[in-house]
Amino acid sequence: MKDAVVEGASDDAIEGVAVAVQGAFDTTADDIRECDGLIIGTPENFGYMSGALKDFLERIYYELLDETPGFPYALFVKASTDGAGAVRSVERIVAGLKWRAVVPPLVVAGDLGPEHLEQCRELGATVAAGLAAGMF
């Protein structure tokens, strides 16, 4: 899913957007300060976000609390059931940061198929194009 999101965000037709890919454990508050938007991906683990994503959000939360209101983000989740718990857990934290979802969360439950990868490409392209156009 991540590769498809990156592929969409890196589409040659979208100019003026640099795409960086980092793991949750490797991303810092300074990385967020340097970007104009963020696409977050996580598996659903026990009806929750991944431990790595939770670690990331905990590390940056208080440092960025007053700095990033309105920061544009998008979320995609690979779920085994419905993904609702993972989405809720992320949304609860980013609501405290006052980040702004620029598209609805993309949740893929069950087996991953070609149609889901196309949705991931569309998610990446939509966010990148919106940032390039200054919509977000």
N, C-alpha and C. Protein backbone atom coordinates (compact mmCIF):
# COMPACT_ATOMS: atom_id res chain seq x y z
N MET A 1 0.83 -1.19 0.00
CA MET A 1 0.00 0.00 0.00
C MET A 1 0.88 1.25 0.00
N LYS A 2 1.90 1.23 0.82
CA LYS A 2 2.80 2.39 0.90
C LYS A 2 3.41 2.69 -0.46
N ASP A 3 3.89 1.66 -1.14
CA ASP A 3 4.51 1.88 -2.45
C ASP A 3 3.53 2.50 -3.44
N ALA A 4 2.29 2.08 -3.41
CA ALA A 4 1.28 2.64 -4.31
C ALA A 4 0.98 4.10 -3.96
N VAL A 5 0.92 4.43 -2.67
CA VAL A 5 0.70 5.82 -2.26
C VAL A 5 1.85 6.69 -2.74
N VAL A 6 3.07 6.20 -2.55
CA VAL A 6 4.25 6.95 -2.98
C VAL A 6 4.25 7.12 -4.50
N GLU A 7 3.89 6.07 -5.21
CA GLU A 7 3.81 6.15 -6.67
C GLU A 7 2.83 7.25 -7.10
N GLY A 8 1.67 7.29 -6.48
CA GLY A 8 0.69 8.32 -6.81
C GLY A 8 1.18 9.71 -6.47
N ALA A 9 1.79 9.87 -5.31
CA ALA A 9 2.28 11.18 -4.89
C ALA A 9 3.44 11.66 -5.74
N SER A 10 4.17 10.72 -6.33
CA SER A 10 5.36 11.04 -7.14
C SER A 10 5.05 11.15 -8.62
N ASP A 11 3.79 11.13 -8.99
CA ASP A 11 3.40 11.19 -10.40
C ASP A 11 4.07 12.38 -11.09
N ASP A 12 4.63 12.14 -12.27
CA ASP A 12 5.34 13.19 -13.01
C ASP A 12 4.45 14.37 -13.36
N ALA A 13 3.15 14.18 -13.42
CA ALA A 13 2.23 15.27 -13.76
C ALA A 13 2.08 16.27 -12.62
N ILE A 14 2.52 15.90 -11.42
CA ILE A 14 2.41 16.78 -10.25
C ILE A 14 3.76 17.46 -10.05
N GLU A 15 3.78 18.77 -10.24
CA GLU A 15 5.03 19.52 -10.12
C GLU A 15 5.09 20.26 -8.80
N GLY A 16 6.30 20.44 -8.30
CA GLY A 16 6.50 21.25 -7.11
C GLY A 16 6.32 20.52 -5.80
N VAL A 17 6.26 19.20 -5.83
CA VAL A 17 6.11 18.42 -4.60
C VAL A 17 7.25 17.42 -4.51
N ALA A 18 7.99 17.49 -3.43
CA ALA A 18 9.03 16.50 -3.16
C ALA A 18 8.46 15.48 -2.19
N VAL A 19 8.62 14.22 -2.51
CA VAL A 19 8.07 13.15 -1.67
C VAL A 19 9.21 12.50 -0.89
N ALA A 20 9.06 12.44 0.41
CA ALA A 20 10.01 11.76 1.29
C ALA A 20 9.28 10.63 1.98
N VAL A 21 9.93 9.49 2.09
CA VAL A 21 9.32 8.32 2.73
C VAL A 21 10.19 7.96 3.93
N GLN A 22 9.55 7.90 5.09
CA GLN A 22 10.26 7.56 6.31
C GLN A 22 9.39 6.66 7.17
N GLY A 23 10.04 5.80 7.91
CA GLY A 23 9.36 4.98 8.87
C GLY A 23 9.01 5.77 10.12
N ALA A 24 8.03 5.30 10.84
CA ALA A 24 7.57 6.01 12.04
C ALA A 24 8.67 6.18 13.07
N PHE A 25 9.49 5.14 13.27
CA PHE A 25 10.56 5.23 14.27
C PHE A 25 11.63 6.23 13.87
N ASP A 26 11.75 6.53 12.58
CA ASP A 26 12.80 7.42 12.08
C ASP A 26 12.35 8.86 11.92
N THR A 27 11.08 9.15 12.13
CA THR A 27 10.54 10.48 11.87
C THR A 27 10.48 11.28 13.16
N THR A 28 10.92 12.54 13.06
CA THR A 28 10.98 13.42 14.23
C THR A 28 10.07 14.63 14.04
N ALA A 29 9.94 15.40 15.09
CA ALA A 29 9.18 16.64 15.01
C ALA A 29 9.80 17.59 13.99
N ASP A 30 11.13 17.62 13.90
CA ASP A 30 11.78 18.48 12.91
C ASP A 30 11.41 18.06 11.49
N ASP A 31 11.26 16.77 11.25
CA ASP A 31 10.84 16.30 9.93
C ASP A 31 9.47 16.85 9.59
N ILE A 32 8.57 16.86 10.56
CA ILE A 32 7.23 17.38 10.32
C ILE A 32 7.27 18.89 10.08
N ARG A 33 8.13 19.58 10.81
CA ARG A 33 8.26 21.03 10.60
C ARG A 33 8.71 21.36 9.18
N GLU A 34 9.47 20.45 8.58
CA GLU A 34 10.03 20.70 7.26
C GLU A 34 9.10 20.31 6.11
N CYS A 35 7.96 19.71 6.40
CA CYS A 35 7.09 19.29 5.30
C CYS A 35 5.77 20.07 5.33
N ASP A 36 5.10 20.02 4.19
CA ASP A 36 3.85 20.76 4.03
C ASP A 36 2.61 19.89 4.25
N GLY A 37 2.81 18.59 4.37
CA GLY A 37 1.71 17.67 4.59
C GLY A 37 2.26 16.28 4.86
N LEU A 38 1.38 15.39 5.28
CA LEU A 38 1.82 14.06 5.68
C LEU A 38 0.76 13.03 5.33
N ILE A 39 1.21 11.92 4.78
CA ILE A 39 0.32 10.77 4.59
C ILE A 39 0.79 9.69 5.55
N ILE A 40 -0.09 9.29 6.42
CA ILE A 40 0.21 8.30 7.46
C ILE A 40 -0.37 6.96 7.05
N GLY A 41 0.44 5.92 7.16
CA GLY A 41 -0.04 4.58 6.90
C GLY A 41 0.20 3.69 8.10
N THR A 42 -0.75 2.80 8.38
CA THR A 42 -0.59 1.88 9.51
C THR A 42 -1.39 0.61 9.27
N PRO A 43 -0.88 -0.50 9.78
CA PRO A 43 -1.74 -1.68 9.84
C PRO A 43 -2.65 -1.55 11.06
N GLU A 44 -3.74 -2.27 11.02
CA GLU A 44 -4.60 -2.37 12.19
C GLU A 44 -4.04 -3.50 13.05
N ASN A 45 -3.62 -3.18 14.26
CA ASN A 45 -3.09 -4.18 15.18
C ASN A 45 -3.98 -4.24 16.41
N PHE A 46 -4.67 -5.37 16.58
CA PHE A 46 -5.56 -5.54 17.74
C PHE A 46 -6.59 -4.41 17.81
N GLY A 47 -7.10 -3.97 16.65
CA GLY A 47 -8.09 -2.92 16.61
C GLY A 47 -7.54 -1.54 16.92
N TYR A 48 -6.23 -1.35 16.71
CA TYR A 48 -5.56 -0.09 17.05
C TYR A 48 -4.51 0.20 15.98
N MET A 49 -3.91 1.38 16.03
CA MET A 49 -2.81 1.70 15.13
C MET A 49 -1.58 0.87 15.52
N SER A 50 -0.58 0.86 14.67
CA SER A 50 0.65 0.13 14.98
C SER A 50 1.37 0.78 16.16
N GLY A 51 2.16 -0.01 16.85
CA GLY A 51 2.96 0.52 17.95
C GLY A 51 3.96 1.56 17.47
N ALA A 52 4.50 1.36 16.27
CA ALA A 52 5.46 2.33 15.72
C ALA A 52 4.80 3.68 15.50
N LEU A 53 3.59 3.68 14.95
CA LEU A 53 2.89 4.95 14.73
C LEU A 53 2.55 5.61 16.06
N LYS A 54 2.12 4.83 17.03
CA LYS A 54 1.81 5.40 18.34
C LYS A 54 3.07 6.03 18.95
N ASP A 55 4.20 5.34 18.83
CA ASP A 55 5.47 5.88 19.32
C ASP A 55 5.78 7.22 18.66
N PHE A 56 5.64 7.28 17.34
CA PHE A 56 5.89 8.52 16.61
C PHE A 56 4.99 9.65 17.12
N LEU A 57 3.71 9.39 17.21
CA LEU A 57 2.77 10.42 17.64
C LEU A 57 3.05 10.87 19.08
N GLU A 58 3.43 9.94 19.94
CA GLU A 58 3.77 10.31 21.31
C GLU A 58 5.02 11.18 21.36
N ARG A 59 6.01 10.88 20.53
CA ARG A 59 7.25 11.65 20.55
C ARG A 59 7.08 13.07 20.03
N ILE A 60 6.21 13.27 19.06
CA ILE A 60 6.08 14.60 18.47
C ILE A 60 4.94 15.42 19.07
N TYR A 61 4.05 14.78 19.78
CA TYR A 61 2.80 15.43 20.20
C TYR A 61 3.04 16.76 20.93
N TYR A 62 3.68 16.73 22.07
CA TYR A 62 3.81 17.95 22.86
C TYR A 62 4.75 18.95 22.22
N GLU A 63 5.73 18.45 21.49
CA GLU A 63 6.66 19.35 20.82
C GLU A 63 5.96 20.17 19.72
N LEU A 64 4.99 19.56 19.04
CA LEU A 64 4.31 20.24 17.93
C LEU A 64 2.92 20.75 18.27
N LEU A 65 2.49 20.53 19.49
CA LEU A 65 1.11 20.83 19.88
C LEU A 65 0.65 22.22 19.47
N ASP A 66 1.47 23.21 19.70
CA ASP A 66 1.07 24.59 19.39
C ASP A 66 1.62 25.09 18.06
N GLU A 67 2.42 24.26 17.38
CA GLU A 67 3.08 24.71 16.15
C GLU A 67 2.36 24.33 14.86
N THR A 68 1.55 23.29 14.89
CA THR A 68 1.07 22.74 13.61
C THR A 68 -0.46 22.68 13.47
N PRO A 69 -1.21 23.60 14.06
CA PRO A 69 -2.66 23.51 13.84
C PRO A 69 -2.97 23.68 12.35
N GLY A 70 -3.90 22.88 11.87
CA GLY A 70 -4.28 22.93 10.47
C GLY A 70 -3.38 22.14 9.54
N PHE A 71 -2.37 21.48 10.09
CA PHE A 71 -1.43 20.72 9.27
C PHE A 71 -2.19 19.64 8.48
N PRO A 72 -2.03 19.61 7.16
CA PRO A 72 -2.78 18.66 6.35
C PRO A 72 -2.21 17.24 6.42
N TYR A 73 -3.10 16.29 6.60
CA TYR A 73 -2.66 14.89 6.64
C TYR A 73 -3.73 14.02 6.00
N ALA A 74 -3.30 12.83 5.64
CA ALA A 74 -4.20 11.78 5.15
C ALA A 74 -3.77 10.49 5.83
N LEU A 75 -4.68 9.53 5.85
CA LEU A 75 -4.45 8.27 6.55
C LEU A 75 -4.89 7.10 5.69
N PHE A 76 -4.05 6.05 5.67
CA PHE A 76 -4.48 4.79 5.09
C PHE A 76 -4.18 3.66 6.06
N VAL A 77 -5.09 2.69 6.09
CA VAL A 77 -5.02 1.59 7.07
C VAL A 77 -5.23 0.27 6.35
N LYS A 78 -4.37 -0.68 6.61
CA LYS A 78 -4.59 -2.07 6.18
C LYS A 78 -5.14 -2.81 7.38
N ALA A 79 -6.38 -3.23 7.26
CA ALA A 79 -7.09 -3.83 8.39
C ALA A 79 -7.38 -5.30 8.14
N SER A 80 -7.44 -6.03 9.21
CA SER A 80 -7.88 -7.42 9.10
C SER A 80 -9.40 -7.50 9.27
N THR A 81 -9.96 -6.57 10.06
CA THR A 81 -11.41 -6.56 10.23
C THR A 81 -11.98 -5.32 9.56
N ASP A 82 -12.34 -4.31 10.35
CA ASP A 82 -12.95 -3.14 9.73
C ASP A 82 -12.09 -1.88 9.79
N GLY A 83 -11.02 -1.88 10.56
CA GLY A 83 -10.12 -0.73 10.63
C GLY A 83 -10.62 0.43 11.45
N ALA A 84 -11.84 0.34 11.94
CA ALA A 84 -12.43 1.48 12.65
C ALA A 84 -11.63 1.88 13.89
N GLY A 85 -11.15 0.90 14.63
CA GLY A 85 -10.37 1.21 15.83
C GLY A 85 -9.06 1.90 15.50
N ALA A 86 -8.40 1.47 14.46
CA ALA A 86 -7.15 2.11 14.05
C ALA A 86 -7.40 3.54 13.60
N VAL A 87 -8.44 3.75 12.82
CA VAL A 87 -8.78 5.10 12.36
C VAL A 87 -9.11 5.98 13.56
N ARG A 88 -9.95 5.50 14.45
CA ARG A 88 -10.34 6.28 15.64
C ARG A 88 -9.12 6.65 16.47
N SER A 89 -8.21 5.71 16.66
CA SER A 89 -7.05 5.98 17.51
C SER A 89 -6.16 7.06 16.92
N VAL A 90 -5.97 7.04 15.61
CA VAL A 90 -5.17 8.09 14.97
C VAL A 90 -5.93 9.41 15.01
N GLU A 91 -7.19 9.39 14.65
CA GLU A 91 -7.97 10.63 14.61
C GLU A 91 -8.05 11.30 15.98
N ARG A 92 -8.11 10.52 17.02
CA ARG A 92 -8.17 11.08 18.38
C ARG A 92 -6.92 11.89 18.68
N ILE A 93 -5.77 11.35 18.31
CA ILE A 93 -4.51 12.04 18.61
C ILE A 93 -4.32 13.26 17.71
N VAL A 94 -4.55 13.10 16.39
CA VAL A 94 -4.34 14.25 15.51
C VAL A 94 -5.37 15.35 15.75
N ALA A 95 -6.53 14.99 16.30
CA ALA A 95 -7.50 16.03 16.68
C ALA A 95 -6.91 16.91 17.77
N GLY A 96 -6.19 16.31 18.70
CA GLY A 96 -5.53 17.09 19.75
C GLY A 96 -4.46 18.01 19.18
N LEU A 97 -3.80 17.56 18.12
CA LEU A 97 -2.80 18.39 17.45
C LEU A 97 -3.45 19.45 16.56
N LYS A 98 -4.76 19.29 16.35
CA LYS A 98 -5.53 20.17 15.46
C LYS A 98 -5.08 20.04 14.01
N TRP A 99 -4.63 18.84 13.62
CA TRP A 99 -4.31 18.58 12.23
C TRP A 99 -5.60 18.44 11.45
N ARG A 100 -5.53 18.63 10.15
CA ARG A 100 -6.73 18.62 9.30
C ARG A 100 -6.64 17.49 8.27
N ALA A 101 -7.59 16.59 8.33
CA ALA A 101 -7.68 15.52 7.33
C ALA A 101 -8.12 16.15 6.02
N VAL A 102 -7.34 15.92 4.95
CA VAL A 102 -7.66 16.53 3.66
C VAL A 102 -8.45 15.59 2.76
N VAL A 103 -8.49 14.33 3.10
CA VAL A 103 -9.32 13.32 2.42
C VAL A 103 -9.79 12.34 3.48
N PRO A 104 -10.88 11.64 3.25
CA PRO A 104 -11.31 10.63 4.22
C PRO A 104 -10.27 9.50 4.32
N PRO A 105 -10.19 8.85 5.47
CA PRO A 105 -9.25 7.73 5.61
C PRO A 105 -9.56 6.63 4.59
N LEU A 106 -8.50 6.04 4.06
CA LEU A 106 -8.63 4.90 3.17
C LEU A 106 -8.38 3.64 4.00
N VAL A 107 -9.38 2.79 4.12
CA VAL A 107 -9.26 1.56 4.89
C VAL A 107 -9.46 0.38 3.95
N VAL A 108 -8.50 -0.52 3.96
CA VAL A 108 -8.61 -1.76 3.20
C VAL A 108 -8.70 -2.89 4.21
N ALA A 109 -9.85 -3.55 4.25
CA ALA A 109 -10.05 -4.68 5.16
C ALA A 109 -10.00 -5.97 4.36
N GLY A 110 -9.35 -6.96 4.93
CA GLY A 110 -9.27 -8.25 4.24
C GLY A 110 -8.15 -8.27 3.23
N ASP A 111 -8.32 -9.06 2.20
CA ASP A 111 -7.28 -9.24 1.19
C ASP A 111 -7.08 -7.97 0.37
N LEU A 112 -5.83 -7.68 0.09
CA LEU A 112 -5.44 -6.53 -0.71
C LEU A 112 -5.50 -6.89 -2.18
N GLY A 113 -6.26 -6.14 -2.95
CA GLY A 113 -6.40 -6.41 -4.38
C GLY A 113 -5.93 -5.24 -5.22
N PRO A 114 -5.89 -5.42 -6.53
CA PRO A 114 -5.45 -4.35 -7.44
C PRO A 114 -6.28 -3.07 -7.31
N GLU A 115 -7.57 -3.22 -7.05
CA GLU A 115 -8.42 -2.03 -6.90
C GLU A 115 -8.02 -1.22 -5.68
N HIS A 116 -7.52 -1.89 -4.64
CA HIS A 116 -7.08 -1.18 -3.43
C HIS A 116 -5.79 -0.42 -3.70
N LEU A 117 -4.91 -1.04 -4.48
CA LEU A 117 -3.66 -0.35 -4.81
C LEU A 117 -3.94 0.88 -5.67
N GLU A 118 -4.93 0.79 -6.54
CA GLU A 118 -5.32 1.97 -7.33
C GLU A 118 -5.86 3.06 -6.41
N GLN A 119 -6.63 2.70 -5.41
CA GLN A 119 -7.13 3.68 -4.44
C GLN A 119 -5.96 4.33 -3.69
N CYS A 120 -4.94 3.55 -3.40
CA CYS A 120 -3.75 4.09 -2.73
C CYS A 120 -3.03 5.08 -3.64
N ARG A 121 -2.88 4.74 -4.92
CA ARG A 121 -2.25 5.67 -5.87
C ARG A 121 -3.06 6.97 -5.95
N GLU A 122 -4.37 6.84 -5.99
CA GLU A 122 -5.24 8.02 -6.04
C GLU A 122 -5.09 8.87 -4.78
N LEU A 123 -4.98 8.22 -3.63
CA LEU A 123 -4.78 8.95 -2.38
C LEU A 123 -3.50 9.77 -2.44
N GLY A 124 -2.40 9.13 -2.83
CA GLY A 124 -1.13 9.84 -2.93
C GLY A 124 -1.18 10.98 -3.91
N ALA A 125 -1.76 10.75 -5.07
CA ALA A 125 -1.84 11.78 -6.10
C ALA A 125 -2.73 12.94 -5.66
N THR A 126 -3.83 12.63 -5.00
CA THR A 126 -4.76 13.67 -4.55
C THR A 126 -4.10 14.59 -3.52
N VAL A 127 -3.42 13.99 -2.56
CA VAL A 127 -2.75 14.80 -1.54
C VAL A 127 -1.64 15.63 -2.16
N ALA A 128 -0.82 15.02 -2.99
CA ALA A 128 0.29 15.75 -3.61
C ALA A 128 -0.22 16.88 -4.51
N ALA A 129 -1.25 16.59 -5.32
CA ALA A 129 -1.79 17.62 -6.21
C ALA A 129 -2.42 18.76 -5.41
N GLY A 130 -3.09 18.42 -4.32
CA GLY A 130 -3.68 19.45 -3.47
C GLY A 130 -2.64 20.34 -2.82
N LEU A 131 -1.54 19.74 -2.39
CA LEU A 131 -0.44 20.53 -1.82
C LEU A 131 0.18 21.41 -2.90
N ALA A 132 0.41 20.84 -4.09
CA ALA A 132 1.02 21.60 -5.18
C ALA A 132 0.15 22.79 -5.59
N ALA A 133 -1.15 22.61 -5.54
CA ALA A 133 -2.09 23.66 -5.94
C ALA A 133 -2.36 24.67 -4.81
N GLY A 134 -1.83 24.39 -3.63
CA GLY A 134 -2.06 25.27 -2.50
C GLY A 134 -3.44 25.13 -1.89
N MET A 135 -4.12 24.01 -2.19
CA MET A 135 -5.46 23.79 -1.64
C MET A 135 -5.42 23.42 -0.18
N PHE A 136 -4.34 22.81 0.24
CA PHE A 136 -4.25 22.35 1.62
C PHE A 136 -3.30 23.27 2.37
